[in-house]
Protein backbone atom coordinates (compact mmCIF):
# COMPACT_ATOMS: atom_id res chain seq x y z
CA MET A 1 67.31 -31.00 -41.73
CA VAL A 2 66.02 -28.30 -39.99
CA ASP A 3 68.22 -26.17 -37.85
CA LEU A 4 66.45 -25.12 -34.82
CA LEU A 5 68.87 -23.50 -33.41
CA ASP A 6 69.04 -20.99 -36.23
CA ARG A 7 65.40 -20.48 -36.18
CA SER A 8 65.49 -19.14 -32.30
CA THR A 9 67.89 -17.67 -32.11
CA THR A 10 67.11 -14.96 -35.73
CA GLY A 11 63.46 -15.06 -34.25
CA ALA A 12 65.08 -13.14 -30.38
CA SER A 13 68.05 -11.51 -31.94
CA ASP A 14 65.46 -9.32 -34.85
CA ALA A 15 62.23 -9.44 -32.99
CA ILE A 16 60.90 -11.38 -35.06
CA ALA A 17 58.05 -14.17 -34.16
CA PRO A 18 58.50 -17.51 -35.52
CA LEU A 19 57.19 -19.65 -38.37
CA ASP A 20 53.91 -21.52 -37.44
CA ALA A 21 54.55 -24.09 -39.52
CA LEU A 22 58.38 -25.31 -39.95
CA ILE A 23 58.70 -28.69 -42.06
CA GLN A 24 60.95 -31.26 -41.80
CA THR A 25 61.93 -32.37 -44.21
CA VAL A 26 64.35 -36.23 -45.38
CA LYS A 27 66.13 -36.40 -48.47
CA GLU A 28 68.28 -38.17 -50.44
CA ALA A 29 72.05 -38.47 -49.63
CA THR A 30 73.08 -38.34 -53.24
CA PRO A 31 72.68 -35.37 -55.89
CA PRO A 32 69.92 -34.45 -56.55
CA LEU A 33 68.55 -34.93 -53.60
CA ALA A 34 65.00 -35.12 -53.96
CA LEU A 35 62.51 -35.35 -51.14
CA LYS A 36 61.62 -38.51 -49.37
CA ALA A 37 59.92 -37.33 -46.84
CA SER A 38 58.09 -34.47 -44.57
CA ARG A 39 55.63 -33.59 -41.57
CA PRO A 40 55.11 -30.73 -40.06
CA MET A 41 56.85 -29.22 -36.75
CA CYS A 42 54.01 -28.15 -34.51
CA ARG A 43 53.90 -26.07 -31.43
CA TYR A 44 53.02 -27.79 -28.14
CA PRO A 45 50.89 -29.70 -27.08
CA ASN A 46 49.75 -30.53 -31.03
CA TYR A 47 50.92 -32.17 -32.80
CA PRO A 48 50.98 -33.88 -36.63
CA HIS A 49 48.13 -35.81 -37.17
CA TYR A 50 47.71 -37.60 -40.56
CA ILE A 51 44.46 -37.18 -42.17
CA GLY A 52 45.32 -38.88 -44.91
CA GLY A 53 47.09 -38.50 -48.94
CA ASP A 54 50.65 -39.93 -49.44
CA ARG A 55 51.64 -40.18 -45.49
CA TYR A 56 55.13 -39.37 -46.46
CA LEU A 57 54.14 -35.73 -47.77
CA SER A 58 53.44 -32.93 -44.68
CA ASP A 59 50.51 -31.92 -46.87
CA SER A 60 49.07 -34.75 -45.21
CA CYS A 61 49.07 -34.07 -41.94
CA ASP A 62 47.67 -31.21 -39.46
CA CYS A 63 48.63 -29.73 -36.18
CA ARG A 64 46.20 -30.70 -34.42
CA ASN A 65 45.41 -30.20 -30.37
CA ALA A 66 46.57 -32.39 -27.71
CA ALA A 67 43.56 -33.35 -25.85
CA PRO A 68 43.91 -33.04 -22.18
């Protein structure tokens, strides 16, 4: 789970630029909380585009600019 509110308030109060590559993750509900899936959260108007490999890992996607 990603806490977007914490990232936005931390950057605003400390004058720190937000990270370019936040990763959204889904984990098992019971310990050891194994990673089930992840994907990048891209800045608007970009979107995560699948480039190949394991579709459940964020390394298989990159952020691409949305075509006008």
